[in-house]
Amino acid sequence: MICVLVLGLAPEVAAGSLAGRLHQFIDQNGFPTSHDFVEVVTPIVQRLALRGIDFPVTATTPSFSYRFNFDLGMPERTPESLGPAFAERANTVGRHRFDLGVSYLYANLTRFDGADFGKQILTAGVRTDPATGLQAGGAFRGKRFSLMSHVMSFSATYGVTDRWDVNLLVPLVWTALRLDGVAAAQIIAGGSEAHLVAPAHFSGDAFGFGDVMLRTKYRFFDGPVKLASVIAVRVPSGDARDFRGIGDPTVTPALIVSRAIRDHDVHASAGVEMNADDLQRTRARYAAGVTLQPWTRLACLLDLIGSSSFVDDEFTIPRPLHRSDQLFGNDELIESVGPTTVVARVPRSDVVDLAVGLKASFFGSGAAFVSAIFPVTNDGLRAEVVPAAGVEVSF
């Protein structure tokens, strides 16, 4: 008697996180039975996505900074450029001044190491019943993968003194995960064989807070070149299982240097993002760029923004004791397969982006920017382009 497993028609799970639903989808569509096999696609997608969704955030430096004029007995605006949108410069907002901003960023992560990520997803398994000799096989091959993020960030900067700023950034994130592919099932019994191939589709979305950031900056040197230090604390308020945050608290001390050249400026920063939960995920962060302001109210922005890991990010996945023959897929990311665990890794990466944009001032103390962020390197799970826009007002 020939039995057929219909793998491509299993219903989606309505509840749970995006990662949980993706796991169940792969489990149901990639293997003849779920309890004999280890599903490695979802953990790998999660680890890759945590780097991909770590988008540049808007700078703490406002477009306008103020200093106290003792002759006039009141603060006055400094005659400098509007400054970058995502990179930092050493300027501070000014004593008892506020800068409020809102920005929007959209990204669709589809490529891993420069190639279509969907086509790199493959998993399969074969189970043989020792009593009857019946052999059941299942497989899933991906075609299209998409992880979309819509990020709305709210930022507030307050000048404690002329040299010391504090900043709070709160993002709201809507994520949508899509995976299209083909599921196959095969049964072999008594010399007879039956198989079925059917399209399989996964989709899900989630909404909520991303990772909140607390940042403080102190400008400690003025002159032809300004120097400032900044400390950024990331609170893991975004659910990593819904791809809204990296899941770990981090602390990033950094040094900023900038120089105004008439109505233009050059700036650079470097720091280390220390991961409090897993030191192997610690990364160097750096940026450098220029603001060209040919007109009083309009500036052209050009910045390189990057981060680099120091080592591979290794992690273990439990493996069932009673297991059958299995093709894991993503072989280059599987470090080793043991009796009870699978060791996978995310290779160390250099994630470098080029942010190009325009910033314009309006109504005296307001500013708006539009920007496009292009990947310079192919490392990791990336989008082809990330558009962004925002507005801010100082008072």
Protein backbone atom coordinates (compact mmCIF):
# COMPACT_ATOMS: atom_id res chain seq x y z
CA MET A 1 0.00 0.00 0.00
CA ILE A 2 1.34 3.43 -0.94
CA CYS A 3 0.84 6.42 1.38
CA VAL A 4 1.35 10.05 0.34
CA LEU A 5 2.28 12.90 2.70
CA VAL A 6 0.87 16.25 1.59
CA LEU A 7 3.59 18.54 2.95
CA GLY A 8 2.87 21.74 1.06
CA LEU A 9 -0.67 22.13 2.28
CA ALA A 10 -0.16 22.30 6.06
CA PRO A 11 -1.99 25.27 7.62
CA GLU A 12 -0.04 28.17 9.11
CA VAL A 13 -0.02 28.67 12.84
CA ALA A 14 -1.97 31.81 13.72
CA ALA A 15 -0.36 32.46 17.09
CA GLY A 16 3.20 32.88 18.29
CA SER A 17 6.21 34.87 17.18
CA LEU A 18 7.36 35.17 13.58
CA ALA A 19 10.32 32.93 14.34
CA GLY A 20 8.05 30.36 15.99
CA ARG A 21 5.68 30.31 13.04
CA LEU A 22 8.55 30.06 10.56
CA HIS A 23 9.96 27.11 12.53
CA GLN A 24 6.64 25.28 12.39
CA PHE A 25 6.31 26.02 8.66
CA ILE A 26 9.76 24.57 7.88
CA ASP A 27 9.15 21.64 10.21
CA GLN A 28 5.88 20.74 8.51
CA ASN A 29 7.07 21.30 4.94
CA GLY A 30 10.67 20.11 5.05
CA PHE A 31 10.51 16.70 6.77
CA PRO A 32 8.27 13.61 6.73
CA THR A 33 7.90 13.84 10.53
CA SER A 34 8.99 16.67 12.78
CA HIS A 35 10.16 14.83 15.90
CA ASP A 36 13.05 12.96 14.23
CA PHE A 37 14.77 15.97 12.65
CA VAL A 38 16.50 19.16 13.73
CA GLU A 39 15.24 22.31 12.03
CA VAL A 40 18.22 24.63 11.49
CA VAL A 41 16.73 27.13 9.01
CA THR A 42 14.92 29.28 11.58
CA PRO A 43 17.83 29.65 14.06
CA ILE A 44 20.14 30.60 11.18
CA VAL A 45 17.62 33.09 9.76
CA GLN A 46 17.25 34.61 13.24
CA ARG A 47 20.99 35.10 13.75
CA LEU A 48 21.48 36.53 10.26
CA ALA A 49 18.49 38.85 10.64
CA LEU A 50 19.72 40.27 13.96
CA ARG A 51 22.61 41.88 12.07
CA GLY A 52 20.51 42.82 9.04
CA ILE A 53 17.89 44.72 11.04
CA ASP A 54 20.53 46.67 13.00
CA PHE A 55 19.96 49.76 10.86
CA PRO A 56 21.74 53.12 11.30
CA VAL A 57 19.93 55.39 13.76
CA THR A 58 19.62 59.16 13.53
CA ALA A 59 22.38 61.17 15.18
CA THR A 60 22.07 62.78 18.61
CA THR A 61 23.59 65.93 17.07
CA PRO A 62 20.82 68.33 16.07
CA SER A 63 20.80 70.37 12.89
CA PHE A 64 21.04 73.54 14.97
CA SER A 65 23.25 74.15 17.99
CA TYR A 66 23.29 77.16 20.31
CA ARG A 67 25.79 78.92 22.56
CA PHE A 68 25.21 81.57 25.21
CA ASN A 69 26.14 85.10 24.13
CA PHE A 70 27.16 86.94 27.29
CA ASP A 71 27.12 90.32 25.51
CA LEU A 72 23.49 89.86 24.47
CA GLY A 73 22.56 87.89 27.58
CA MET A 74 20.82 85.17 25.53
CA PRO A 75 21.63 82.03 23.49
CA GLU A 76 22.41 82.42 19.80
CA ARG A 77 22.61 79.87 16.99
CA THR A 78 26.07 78.86 15.81
CA PRO A 79 26.68 79.59 12.10
CA GLU A 80 27.54 76.05 11.03
CA SER A 81 26.18 73.46 8.60
CA LEU A 82 22.98 71.51 9.15
CA GLY A 83 25.11 68.41 9.75
CA PRO A 84 24.65 64.69 9.01
CA ALA A 85 21.50 62.63 9.50
CA PHE A 86 23.03 59.32 10.68
CA ALA A 87 26.69 60.01 11.47
CA GLU A 88 27.71 61.99 14.54
CA ARG A 89 29.61 65.26 14.88
CA ALA A 90 30.89 66.86 18.08
CA ASN A 91 28.30 69.67 18.24
CA THR A 92 25.82 69.80 21.13
CA VAL A 93 22.37 71.36 21.19
CA GLY A 94 23.08 74.00 23.87
CA ARG A 95 22.21 74.54 27.51
CA HIS A 96 18.53 73.91 28.34
CA ARG A 97 17.66 73.47 24.65
CA PHE A 98 15.45 70.70 23.26
CA ASP A 99 15.67 68.98 19.90
CA LEU A 100 12.78 66.69 18.93
CA GLY A 101 12.77 64.52 15.82
CA VAL A 102 10.89 61.75 14.06
CA SER A 103 12.28 59.61 11.26
CA TYR A 104 11.08 56.78 9.03
CA LEU A 105 13.18 54.00 7.48
CA TYR A 106 12.18 51.14 5.18
CA ALA A 107 14.24 48.05 4.39
CA ASN A 108 13.55 44.78 2.59
CA LEU A 109 16.22 42.19 3.40
CA THR A 110 16.46 39.72 0.52
CA ARG A 111 20.15 39.00 -0.11
CA PHE A 112 22.81 37.13 1.84
CA ASP A 113 26.46 37.69 0.94
CA GLY A 114 25.36 39.28 -2.34
CA ALA A 115 23.09 36.44 -3.54
CA ASP A 116 19.34 35.80 -3.33
CA PHE A 117 18.86 34.38 0.17
CA GLY A 118 15.64 32.51 -0.65
CA LYS A 119 17.44 30.20 -3.08
CA GLN A 120 20.00 29.33 -0.38
CA ILE A 121 17.35 27.81 1.90
CA LEU A 122 17.16 24.02 1.59
CA THR A 123 16.33 21.26 4.03
CA ALA A 124 15.34 17.61 3.65
CA GLY A 125 15.00 14.37 5.60
CA VAL A 126 14.39 10.68 5.08
CA ARG A 127 12.94 8.30 7.68
CA THR A 128 12.91 4.49 7.37
CA ASP A 129 10.61 2.32 9.46
CA PRO A 130 12.79 -0.65 10.54
CA ALA A 131 9.77 -2.91 11.03
CA THR A 132 8.09 -2.41 7.64
CA GLY A 133 10.92 -0.99 5.55
CA LEU A 134 8.67 1.87 4.49
CA GLN A 135 10.73 4.93 3.61
CA ALA A 136 9.30 8.45 3.87
CA GLY A 137 11.09 11.56 2.64
CA GLY A 138 10.35 15.27 2.69
CA ALA A 139 12.13 18.37 1.45
CA PHE A 140 11.71 22.12 1.14
CA ARG A 141 13.60 24.37 -1.28
CA GLY A 142 13.20 28.11 -0.99
CA LYS A 143 12.70 30.47 -3.90
CA ARG A 144 12.00 33.95 -2.53
CA PHE A 145 12.79 35.35 0.92
CA SER A 146 11.79 38.78 2.17
CA LEU A 147 12.10 40.39 5.61
CA MET A 148 10.58 43.87 5.49
CA SER A 149 11.00 46.46 8.23
CA HIS A 150 9.15 49.73 8.61
CA VAL A 151 10.85 51.70 11.40
CA MET A 152 9.41 54.90 12.86
CA SER A 153 11.84 56.41 15.40
CA PHE A 154 11.17 59.21 17.86
CA SER A 155 14.18 61.09 19.22
CA ALA A 156 14.54 63.72 21.95
CA THR A 157 17.78 65.51 22.84
CA TYR A 158 18.16 67.82 25.85
CA GLY A 159 21.14 70.08 26.54
CA VAL A 160 22.03 69.73 30.21
CA THR A 161 24.85 72.23 29.70
CA ASP A 162 26.40 73.86 26.65
CA ARG A 163 28.70 70.84 26.39
CA TRP A 164 26.57 67.96 27.65
CA ASP A 165 23.58 66.42 25.86
CA VAL A 166 21.33 63.48 26.73
CA ASN A 167 19.20 61.69 24.15
CA LEU A 168 16.39 59.14 24.08
CA LEU A 169 15.47 57.26 20.89
CA VAL A 170 12.34 55.09 20.80
CA PRO A 171 11.54 53.09 17.62
CA LEU A 172 8.24 51.54 16.59
CA VAL A 173 8.75 48.65 14.16
CA TRP A 174 6.45 46.74 11.82
CA THR A 175 8.04 43.62 10.33
CA ALA A 176 6.75 41.29 7.64
CA LEU A 177 8.37 37.95 6.81
CA ARG A 178 7.73 36.13 3.53
CA LEU A 179 9.14 32.84 2.26
CA ASP A 180 8.07 31.12 -0.95
CA GLY A 181 9.31 27.74 -2.08
CA VAL A 182 8.47 24.20 -3.07
CA ALA A 183 7.74 21.31 -0.71
CA ALA A 184 8.12 17.69 -1.78
CA ALA A 185 7.11 14.38 -0.23
CA GLN A 186 8.03 10.85 -1.23
CA ILE A 187 7.00 7.40 -0.01
CA ILE A 188 8.78 4.16 -1.03
CA ALA A 189 7.28 0.82 0.00
CA GLY A 190 7.57 -2.66 -1.48
CA GLY A 191 9.30 -1.43 -4.61
CA SER A 192 6.54 1.10 -5.30
CA GLU A 193 7.06 4.83 -5.11
CA ALA A 194 4.81 7.87 -4.87
CA HIS A 195 5.70 11.50 -4.61
CA LEU A 196 4.07 14.91 -4.47
CA VAL A 197 5.47 18.35 -5.20
CA ALA A 198 3.49 21.44 -4.18
CA PRO A 199 4.18 25.17 -3.75
CA ALA A 200 4.55 26.29 -0.14
CA HIS A 201 4.19 29.84 1.12
CA PHE A 202 4.82 31.43 4.51
CA SER A 203 3.82 34.96 5.52
CA GLY A 204 3.52 36.72 8.84
CA ASP A 205 3.91 40.14 10.38
CA ALA A 206 4.36 41.76 13.77
CA PHE A 207 4.30 45.24 15.28
CA GLY A 208 5.75 46.74 18.44
CA PHE A 209 8.64 48.59 20.03
CA GLY A 210 12.16 48.19 18.76
CA ASP A 211 15.28 48.53 20.89
CA VAL A 212 15.26 51.76 22.91
CA MET A 213 18.55 53.68 22.97
CA LEU A 214 19.82 56.02 25.69
CA ARG A 215 22.72 58.22 24.57
CA THR A 216 24.78 60.92 26.20
CA LYS A 217 27.43 63.16 24.62
CA TYR A 218 30.02 65.45 26.14
CA ARG A 219 32.02 67.93 24.05
CA PHE A 220 35.36 68.28 25.81
CA PHE A 221 37.48 70.22 23.31
CA ASP A 222 36.78 73.24 21.10
CA GLY A 223 39.01 74.73 18.47
CA PRO A 224 39.60 74.22 14.79
CA VAL A 225 38.75 70.60 15.56
CA LYS A 226 36.02 69.66 18.05
CA LEU A 227 36.18 66.49 20.12
CA ALA A 228 33.36 64.78 21.98
CA SER A 229 32.73 61.47 23.70
CA VAL A 230 29.45 59.58 23.54
CA ILE A 231 28.06 56.56 25.34
CA ALA A 232 25.06 54.70 23.88
CA VAL A 233 23.12 52.10 25.87
CA ARG A 234 20.78 49.81 23.94
CA VAL A 235 17.87 48.32 25.89
CA PRO A 236 16.56 45.06 24.31
CA SER A 237 12.94 46.20 24.33
CA GLY A 238 12.32 44.90 20.80
CA ASP A 239 11.32 41.24 20.51
CA ALA A 240 14.12 39.47 18.61
CA ARG A 241 11.73 36.60 17.78
CA ASP A 242 9.70 39.11 15.76
CA PHE A 243 12.85 40.65 14.26
CA ARG A 244 12.30 43.97 16.04
CA GLY A 245 15.55 44.02 18.02
CA ILE A 246 18.86 42.25 18.50
CA GLY A 247 17.82 40.64 21.80
CA ASP A 248 20.85 41.72 23.83
CA PRO A 249 21.75 44.83 25.86
CA THR A 250 24.79 46.67 24.54
CA VAL A 251 26.98 49.57 25.65
CA THR A 252 28.87 51.60 23.04
CA PRO A 253 31.48 54.16 24.09
CA ALA A 254 32.78 56.21 21.15
CA LEU A 255 34.93 59.21 20.26
CA ILE A 256 33.77 61.88 17.81
CA VAL A 257 35.87 64.41 15.90
CA SER A 258 34.50 67.10 13.60
CA ARG A 259 35.58 70.34 11.99
CA ALA A 260 33.56 73.15 10.48
CA ILE A 261 34.91 74.62 7.23
CA ARG A 262 32.87 77.75 6.59
CA ASP A 263 29.35 76.42 5.90
CA HIS A 264 30.54 72.82 5.52
CA ASP A 265 31.87 70.20 7.92
CA VAL A 266 33.79 66.93 8.06
CA HIS A 267 33.24 64.43 10.83
CA ALA A 268 34.27 60.96 11.98
CA SER A 269 33.57 58.66 14.91
CA ALA A 270 34.79 55.30 16.21
CA GLY A 271 33.69 53.09 19.09
CA VAL A 272 33.12 49.56 20.32
CA GLU A 273 29.64 48.11 20.85
CA MET A 274 30.08 45.71 23.76
CA ASN A 275 27.42 43.02 24.00
CA ALA A 276 26.55 42.42 27.65
CA ASP A 277 25.04 38.95 27.04
CA ASP A 278 27.44 37.49 24.47
CA LEU A 279 30.90 39.02 24.04
CA GLN A 280 31.48 37.23 20.73
CA ARG A 281 28.82 39.54 19.25
CA THR A 282 30.81 42.64 20.22
CA ARG A 283 31.37 44.90 17.20
CA ALA A 284 33.44 47.90 16.22
CA ARG A 285 31.36 50.84 15.02
CA TYR A 286 32.68 53.67 12.88
CA ALA A 287 31.56 56.45 10.55
CA ALA A 288 33.07 59.24 8.48
CA GLY A 289 31.57 61.80 6.18
CA VAL A 290 31.13 65.32 4.96
CA THR A 291 28.30 67.83 4.90
CA LEU A 292 28.42 70.18 1.93
CA GLN A 293 26.17 73.21 2.28
CA PRO A 294 26.22 75.33 -0.89
CA TRP A 295 23.14 77.27 0.24
CA THR A 296 22.11 78.51 3.67
CA ARG A 297 19.02 76.31 3.87
CA LEU A 298 20.15 73.23 1.94
CA ALA A 299 22.92 70.71 2.66
CA CYS A 300 24.18 67.64 0.81
CA LEU A 301 25.00 64.66 3.04
CA LEU A 302 27.58 61.97 2.30
CA ASP A 303 28.52 59.43 4.99
CA LEU A 304 30.11 56.01 5.30
CA ILE A 305 28.63 54.10 8.24
CA GLY A 306 29.95 50.71 9.27
CA SER A 307 30.32 48.01 11.88
CA SER A 308 32.63 45.00 12.04
CA SER A 309 32.53 41.89 14.18
CA PHE A 310 35.72 40.41 15.59
CA VAL A 311 34.91 36.68 15.50
CA ASP A 312 32.32 34.28 14.10
CA ASP A 313 29.07 34.08 16.05
CA GLU A 314 28.73 30.38 16.94
CA PHE A 315 25.62 28.84 18.49
CA THR A 316 24.27 25.35 19.17
CA ILE A 317 20.97 23.78 18.16
CA PRO A 318 19.68 20.68 20.03
CA ARG A 319 19.44 17.51 17.95
CA PRO A 320 16.97 14.66 18.65
CA LEU A 321 18.45 11.46 20.02
CA HIS A 322 16.28 9.35 17.68
CA ARG A 323 17.19 10.80 14.34
CA SER A 324 17.03 9.84 10.70
CA ASP A 325 19.04 10.78 7.64
CA GLN A 326 18.92 14.52 7.07
CA LEU A 327 20.19 17.20 4.70
CA PHE A 328 20.73 20.33 6.76
CA GLY A 329 21.03 22.93 4.00
CA ASN A 330 23.04 26.16 4.40
CA ASP A 331 26.07 23.86 4.67
CA GLU A 332 28.58 26.72 4.79
CA LEU A 333 26.91 27.90 8.03
CA ILE A 334 26.98 24.46 9.72
CA GLU A 335 30.20 24.11 11.71
CA SER A 336 29.73 20.55 13.00
CA VAL A 337 27.06 17.90 13.57
CA GLY A 338 27.30 15.95 16.81
CA PRO A 339 25.23 13.19 18.42
CA THR A 340 22.97 15.62 20.28
CA THR A 341 23.76 19.10 18.90
CA VAL A 342 24.41 20.97 15.69
CA VAL A 343 26.91 23.82 15.87
CA ALA A 344 26.10 26.63 13.43
CA ARG A 345 27.77 29.98 12.89
CA VAL A 346 27.25 33.42 11.46
CA PRO A 347 30.55 34.44 9.82
CA ARG A 348 32.27 37.60 11.06
CA SER A 349 31.18 40.50 8.90
CA ASP A 350 32.04 44.00 7.80
CA VAL A 351 28.75 45.81 7.28
CA VAL A 352 29.48 49.13 5.56
CA ASP A 353 26.84 51.45 4.08
CA LEU A 354 26.94 54.68 2.10
CA ALA A 355 24.27 57.19 3.18
CA VAL A 356 23.52 59.89 0.60
CA GLY A 357 20.94 62.57 1.27
CA LEU A 358 19.71 66.13 1.41
CA LYS A 359 18.79 68.19 4.45
CA ALA A 360 16.87 71.47 4.39
CA SER A 361 15.93 73.97 7.09
CA PHE A 362 12.51 75.54 7.48
CA PHE A 363 10.72 77.96 9.83
CA GLY A 364 13.95 79.06 11.46
CA SER A 365 14.57 76.10 13.79
CA GLY A 366 13.12 73.16 11.84
CA ALA A 367 14.91 70.78 9.48
CA ALA A 368 14.00 67.83 7.29
CA PHE A 369 16.08 65.23 5.49
CA VAL A 370 15.71 62.51 2.87
CA SER A 371 18.34 59.83 2.46
CA ALA A 372 19.13 56.58 0.69
CA ILE A 373 21.43 54.02 2.31
CA PHE A 374 23.31 51.73 -0.08
CA PRO A 375 25.36 48.67 0.95
CA VAL A 376 29.07 49.02 0.18
CA THR A 377 29.91 45.47 1.30
CA ASN A 378 27.88 42.29 0.71
CA ASP A 379 28.43 40.73 4.13
CA GLY A 380 25.35 39.47 5.90
CA LEU A 381 21.64 39.70 5.19
CA ARG A 382 21.10 42.99 3.39
CA ALA A 383 18.66 45.15 1.47
CA GLU A 384 19.55 46.56 -1.94
CA VAL A 385 18.71 50.09 -0.76
CA VAL A 386 17.23 51.57 2.43
CA PRO A 387 15.29 54.84 1.97
CA ALA A 388 14.82 57.10 4.99
CA ALA A 389 13.37 60.50 5.85
CA GLY A 390 12.87 62.61 8.93
CA VAL A 391 12.07 65.99 10.47
CA GLU A 392 13.28 67.74 13.61
CA VAL A 393 12.70 70.97 15.47
CA SER A 394 14.84 72.77 18.08
CA PHE A 395 13.54 75.14 20.76
